[in-house]
Amino acid sequence: MAPAGKVTGFHKEGSDWFCNAGLPSDITVVVDDIKFHLHKFPLVSKCGKIARKCEESSEKAFIAAFEEFPGGPDTFLIAVKFCYGLRVELTPRNIVIVYCAADYLQMTDEYGEDNLLSKSENFLHKNVLHNWKDCILALQSSDPVIARAEKLQIISKCLSALSMMVCTDPSLFGWPMMMYGSLQSPGGSILWNGINTGARIQSVESDWWFEDISYLSVGLFERLINTMETRGIRPEILVGAIMYYARKYLPGLGRWQSGQSRKTRTFASFSLTPAVVDQKVLIETIEKLIPEKKGKSFCRFLLGLLRVALILGVSQMCKDSLERRVGMQLEVATLDSLLIPAYSDSDTLYNVDCVERIIHHFMASESRITLFSPSSLDPETSPSSEPLRKVAKLIDNYIAEVASDIHLKPRKIRSLAEALPESSRPLHDGLYRALDIYFKAHPWLSEKEKEELCNTIDYQKLSIDACAHASQNARLPLRVALQVLFFEQMQLRTALAGCLHAMDTESAPAGPIPSDMFGQIVQRDGWRTVVQVNQVLKVDMDNMRSRVGELEEEFSKIKQEMKRVTKSHSSLSSPRLVARKIGCKLVPRSSYAQPDAVDITGPTPRASVEQAHRPHHSRHWKSFSLF
């Protein structure tokens, strides 16, 4: 009689397994250094692989070693119990591994009717593939045997089943409606105290499955998304699933989302453990999965993903792709999400280089759009220029935000300011404000460096308020302030001329307005305001011109007095005596011998002797004429 007829179970002695058959073992199977002392007859009658090994060996005490057995010793024990006729329970958690083990041992119907391989296949098709929960469990448990499961098409069948269930009503596949649960009649109506109300569930949320598939490994998640895409599921739904998965395993993304908390479903019978995920692999996988999509929340997600990618040091190809994707929709980005810290050895607080590359990607995408735009459209008013204006405003605010970084070089500020074309800014107030913040945080900048940065500003595109501030701004070079005053005078002259013309013709609302600034003034205060502002400005300019002339005369007198005193007596060559002689107070400093060091005060917006003594300034002021 076969030993299997007397088997009551198996027991373990040390690390070895023994069969309770009452007969000595005639075959030993070694799986991962664990020995199973068994009998040939029940194994040979069910396992083709063991049968062939026994035929090849003439030894009575046969030893068979199985390397890389699917599922290890625990799964082999299940197969052995089946061979001995003991009860074996197949579950969604072990079906994939048992299926692979049966295939490895060649437990086909050729070696016994209704063998383990056919039983596993039937259980998979009849139980697992028709139930959402069981499919998820089966896929999650397949990681140890993923290669063989792929070969047996178990994975593809489960993925196809899941994608099909997503396209249909989840309640048809062993998953109750979440809102009402058991309060639903078999006909679909809502029950109240067991009474059919006649009301029916209107719809199912499209994201009901996001939480469940987030327990899959990165590889299986990627394959599932690709399978769903081939089945025609809408891209925006797939993007939602991808973002959900990324937020779960990349905690840093949480603060870059909208803050809306998602409801997670909890079932006692569906306890899953999160997958072990390599974050670098996850980011590179997600970058390949996400489609070309635009939107504020999606752009925010991309910037958060880029931030984490820079921290983890993913491949350069992945970072370049993320920057390109952000650049293609930079007009919907927000300032806080664009403030990417510098995680490298850089001294700067923010990754300005990354933002500059994003701007270049945006300009490249805009140039492609412009090529297909009608040539008759005005660049200033065409719909395609609206994103450009939004980006210009965003970048001006970005420069203002990073300008307080003391380690930020002037060339970086200039590169950011010049990355966008001049036509992108209807007004340069934002750029002026950003540069003023930078000058305030960097008082050690030279006049030349300040002038180079100010060259990025078009003074004709400054508003009246900005011009008034700039003309009185001591942080600006004197040459820049003079240019601002000149253009302000020209704008006011043009505005006033247009206003007078409008008053004469009595058709100001219908006629073209010469200047945007004039339009603002007329709408607000009328032409009298223009005249008043112009008069005040003229008085200020006259005072300033007079003061410059006084400074030049005083400087000339000082030079003559110094020459006279020097020639008269050598003892008077001391700078302090000379200063006392001519009635000036000498400021103690290392370069006291220079005449520029004389302390001069007066009612002028910019008390700068260093610039005032130059003759060409006086000529420049004399060239100004208001009317």
Foldseek 3Di string as FASTA:
>chain_A
DDLLVQWPDWDDDPQEIETPSPDFAQEWEAWPNYIYRHHLVLLLLFFVQSVVVPVVDPDRNYYHYDYLQQPIPVLVRLLVCVSSVHDHDDALQCLLSNLLNCVVRVRDCVSPNPTSNVVSVCCCVVPQLLALLSLLNNQQNCVSPVVSSVVVCSLVSSLLSNLVCLVDDNCRRHDDAPPQGPQADPVQAGHDPNHGPVHHDDDHDSCLCLVSNLQHALVSSLVSLVSNVVVPDDLVSSVVSLLSSLCVVPVQLQVLAPNDDDDDDDDPVRDGDHDDYDNLVSLQSSLVRRDLDDDLRVLSSLLSSLLVCQVVVHDPVSNLSSLLSNLCHVLSYALVSQQRADPDPDPAGGDLVSVLSSLLSNVVNLVVVVVPDDPPDDCLPDPSLVSLLSNLLSLLVNLLVRLLTQRDDLVSSQSSLVSGDPSSHQACLSNLNSLLSNLVNHVPDDLVSLVVSCVSHDLLRHAPVSLVCLLLDQSHDPVVNLVNLQSSLVVLLLLLVLLVVCVVVVPVVPDDHPDPNSVVCCVPPRNVVSVVVNVVSVVLLVVQLVVLVVLQVVLVVLVVLLVVQVVPDVVCNDLCSSCVVVVFDQDDDPPSVDPQRTDDDDPHSHPHSVPSNDVVVSVSSVVDDND
